[in-house]
């Protein structure tokens, strides 16, 4: 179980960033962008679990890695979709080190 938790902790940070972006888009009334993103990434999650759990035989660690991949791709995909939306682009905030400022204090 520790393997799963340790391999999924980066995925939780990525999930938080993508969830904040989803809520931001929902507040702007652009609800189809997050729906497209998270629906497609949910379908891809099955592939990642199959790859890391079954093919690479990583056990519970593979499920954590699959979750991290899913959340990371969700963040990238939702930011790309946001960038190409002309109404969202002027207020788009790309994540950088400032996202984690004060997290460890």
C-alpha atoms as a PDB file:
ATOM      1  CA  UNK A   1       0.000   0.000   0.000  1.00  0.00           C
ATOM      2  CA  UNK A   2       2.903   2.362   0.661  1.00  0.00           C
ATOM      3  CA  UNK A   3       4.055   1.881  -2.934  1.00  0.00           C
ATOM      4  CA  UNK A   4       0.679   3.048  -4.210  1.00  0.00           C
ATOM      5  CA  UNK A   5       0.605   6.105  -1.977  1.00  0.00           C
ATOM      6  CA  UNK A   6       4.153   7.161  -2.788  1.00  0.00           C
ATOM      7  CA  UNK A   7       3.611   6.757  -6.512  1.00  0.00           C
ATOM      8  CA  UNK A   8       0.303   8.649  -6.466  1.00  0.00           C
ATOM      9  CA  UNK A   9       1.356  11.697  -4.397  1.00  0.00           C
ATOM     10  CA  UNK A  10       2.637  13.605  -7.483  1.00  0.00           C
ATOM     11  CA  UNK A  11      -0.640  12.722  -9.184  1.00  0.00           C
ATOM     12  CA  UNK A  12      -2.581  14.363  -6.370  1.00  0.00           C
ATOM     13  CA  UNK A  13      -0.675  17.626  -6.864  1.00  0.00           C
ATOM     14  CA  UNK A  14      -1.417  17.463 -10.588  1.00  0.00           C
ATOM     15  CA  UNK A  15      -5.070  16.681  -9.849  1.00  0.00           C
ATOM     16  CA  UNK A  16      -5.350  19.751  -7.630  1.00  0.00           C
ATOM     17  CA  UNK A  17      -3.961  21.990 -10.381  1.00  0.00           C
ATOM     18  CA  UNK A  18      -6.283  20.530 -13.033  1.00  0.00           C
ATOM     19  CA  UNK A  19      -9.263  20.755 -10.673  1.00  0.00           C
ATOM     20  CA  UNK A  20      -8.565  24.439 -10.013  1.00  0.00           C
ATOM     21  CA  UNK A  21      -8.419  25.028 -13.770  1.00  0.00           C
ATOM     22  CA  UNK A  22     -11.698  23.122 -14.173  1.00  0.00           C
ATOM     23  CA  UNK A  23     -13.402  25.266 -11.553  1.00  0.00           C
ATOM     24  CA  UNK A  24     -12.013  28.413 -13.171  1.00  0.00           C
ATOM     25  CA  UNK A  25     -13.431  27.408 -16.555  1.00  0.00           C
ATOM     26  CA  UNK A  26     -16.773  26.534 -14.988  1.00  0.00           C
ATOM     27  CA  UNK A  27     -16.930  29.991 -13.405  1.00  0.00           C
ATOM     28  CA  UNK A  28     -16.314  31.514 -16.838  1.00  0.00           C
ATOM     29  CA  UNK A  29     -19.218  29.475 -18.223  1.00  0.00           C
ATOM     30  CA  UNK A  30     -16.949  27.291 -20.387  1.00  0.00           C
ATOM     31  CA  UNK A  31     -18.202  23.972 -19.039  1.00  0.00           C
ATOM     32  CA  UNK A  32     -17.711  21.928 -22.209  1.00  0.00           C
ATOM     33  CA  UNK A  33     -13.908  22.255 -22.104  1.00  0.00           C
ATOM     34  CA  UNK A  34     -13.474  20.458 -18.753  1.00  0.00           C
ATOM     35  CA  UNK A  35     -16.112  17.897 -19.718  1.00  0.00           C
ATOM     36  CA  UNK A  36     -14.258  16.984 -22.909  1.00  0.00           C
ATOM     37  CA  UNK A  37     -10.938  16.866 -21.089  1.00  0.00           C
ATOM     38  CA  UNK A  38     -11.925  14.759 -18.125  1.00  0.00           C
ATOM     39  CA  UNK A  39     -14.125  12.389 -20.134  1.00  0.00           C
ATOM     40  CA  UNK A  40     -11.313  11.619 -22.570  1.00  0.00           C
ATOM     41  CA  UNK A  41      -8.757  11.238 -19.773  1.00  0.00           C
ATOM     42  CA  UNK A  42     -11.078   8.879 -17.898  1.00  0.00           C
ATOM     43  CA  UNK A  43     -11.168   6.666 -20.980  1.00  0.00           C
ATOM     44  CA  UNK A  44      -7.369   6.801 -21.222  1.00  0.00           C
ATOM     45  CA  UNK A  45      -7.012   5.877 -17.547  1.00  0.00           C
ATOM     46  CA  UNK A  46      -8.109   2.317 -18.333  1.00  0.00           C
ATOM     47  CA  UNK A  47      -5.228   2.045 -20.799  1.00  0.00           C
ATOM     48  CA  UNK A  48      -2.678   3.373 -18.279  1.00  0.00           C
ATOM     49  CA  UNK A  49      -3.855   0.930 -15.601  1.00  0.00           C
ATOM     50  CA  UNK A  50      -3.642  -1.947 -18.067  1.00  0.00           C
ATOM     51  CA  UNK A  51      -0.168  -0.859 -19.167  1.00  0.00           C
ATOM     52  CA  UNK A  52       1.398  -0.360 -15.751  1.00  0.00           C
ATOM     53  CA  UNK A  53      -0.507  -2.983 -13.752  1.00  0.00           C
ATOM     54  CA  UNK A  54      -0.844  -5.831 -16.248  1.00  0.00           C
ATOM     55  CA  UNK A  55       1.858  -5.419 -18.887  1.00  0.00           C
ATOM     56  CA  UNK A  56       4.666  -3.945 -16.757  1.00  0.00           C
ATOM     57  CA  UNK A  57       3.459  -5.970 -13.730  1.00  0.00           C
ATOM     58  CA  UNK A  58       4.072  -3.161 -11.216  1.00  0.00           C
ATOM     59  CA  UNK A  59       1.203  -4.093  -8.913  1.00  0.00           C
ATOM     60  CA  UNK A  60      -0.239  -1.328  -6.759  1.00  0.00           C
ATOM     61  CA  UNK A  61       2.630   0.975  -7.673  1.00  0.00           C
ATOM     62  CA  UNK A  62       1.481   0.690 -11.289  1.00  0.00           C
ATOM     63  CA  UNK A  63      -2.005   1.872 -10.356  1.00  0.00           C
ATOM     64  CA  UNK A  64      -0.518   4.916  -8.628  1.00  0.00           C
ATOM     65  CA  UNK A  65       1.654   5.666 -11.646  1.00  0.00           C
ATOM     66  CA  UNK A  66      -1.399   5.299 -13.906  1.00  0.00           C
ATOM     67  CA  UNK A  67      -3.267   7.827 -11.761  1.00  0.00           C
ATOM     68  CA  UNK A  68      -0.330  10.215 -11.944  1.00  0.00           C
ATOM     69  CA  UNK A  69      -0.218   9.884 -15.732  1.00  0.00           C
ATOM     70  CA  UNK A  70      -3.971  10.471 -15.978  1.00  0.00           C
ATOM     71  CA  UNK A  71      -3.883  13.564 -13.780  1.00  0.00           C
ATOM     72  CA  UNK A  72      -0.817  14.967 -15.522  1.00  0.00           C
ATOM     73  CA  UNK A  73      -2.343  14.524 -18.954  1.00  0.00           C
ATOM     74  CA  UNK A  74      -5.595  16.033 -17.701  1.00  0.00           C
ATOM     75  CA  UNK A  75      -3.746  19.146 -16.599  1.00  0.00           C
ATOM     76  CA  UNK A  76      -1.862  19.444 -19.887  1.00  0.00           C
ATOM     77  CA  UNK A  77      -4.979  18.815 -21.983  1.00  0.00           C
ATOM     78  CA  UNK A  78      -7.184  21.266 -20.075  1.00  0.00           C
ATOM     79  CA  UNK A  79      -4.516  23.967 -20.326  1.00  0.00           C
ATOM     80  CA  UNK A  80      -4.165  23.385 -24.068  1.00  0.00           C
ATOM     81  CA  UNK A  81      -7.934  23.539 -24.540  1.00  0.00           C
ATOM     82  CA  UNK A  82      -8.028  26.718 -22.456  1.00  0.00           C
ATOM     83  CA  UNK A  83      -5.256  28.278 -24.523  1.00  0.00           C
ATOM     84  CA  UNK A  84      -7.125  27.752 -27.784  1.00  0.00           C
ATOM     85  CA  UNK A  85     -10.344  29.260 -26.420  1.00  0.00           C
ATOM     86  CA  UNK A  86     -10.235  32.951 -27.340  1.00  0.00           C
ATOM     87  CA  UNK A  87     -12.412  33.984 -24.379  1.00  0.00           C
ATOM     88  CA  UNK A  88     -10.234  32.214 -21.830  1.00  0.00           C
ATOM     89  CA  UNK A  89      -6.771  32.940 -23.242  1.00  0.00           C
ATOM     90  CA  UNK A  90      -6.394  36.515 -21.860  1.00  0.00           C
ATOM     91  CA  UNK A  91      -6.912  35.303 -18.292  1.00  0.00           C
ATOM     92  CA  UNK A  92      -5.049  31.996 -18.579  1.00  0.00           C
ATOM     93  CA  UNK A  93      -2.494  31.344 -15.849  1.00  0.00           C
ATOM     94  CA  UNK A  94       0.145  28.792 -16.696  1.00  0.00           C
ATOM     95  CA  UNK A  95       1.267  26.841 -13.632  1.00  0.00           C
ATOM     96  CA  UNK A  96       4.785  27.504 -12.452  1.00  0.00           C
ATOM     97  CA  UNK A  97       6.698  27.457  -9.183  1.00  0.00           C
ATOM     98  CA  UNK A  98       4.363  30.109  -7.732  1.00  0.00           C
ATOM     99  CA  UNK A  99       1.632  27.432  -7.574  1.00  0.00           C
ATOM    100  CA  UNK A 100       3.553  25.747  -4.789  1.00  0.00           C
ATOM    101  CA  UNK A 101       4.588  28.882  -2.875  1.00  0.00           C
ATOM    102  CA  UNK A 102       3.802  28.574   0.825  1.00  0.00           C
ATOM    103  CA  UNK A 103       2.839  24.920   0.540  1.00  0.00           C
ATOM    104  CA  UNK A 104       5.510  23.711   2.936  1.00  0.00           C
ATOM    105  CA  UNK A 105       5.181  26.479   5.560  1.00  0.00           C
END
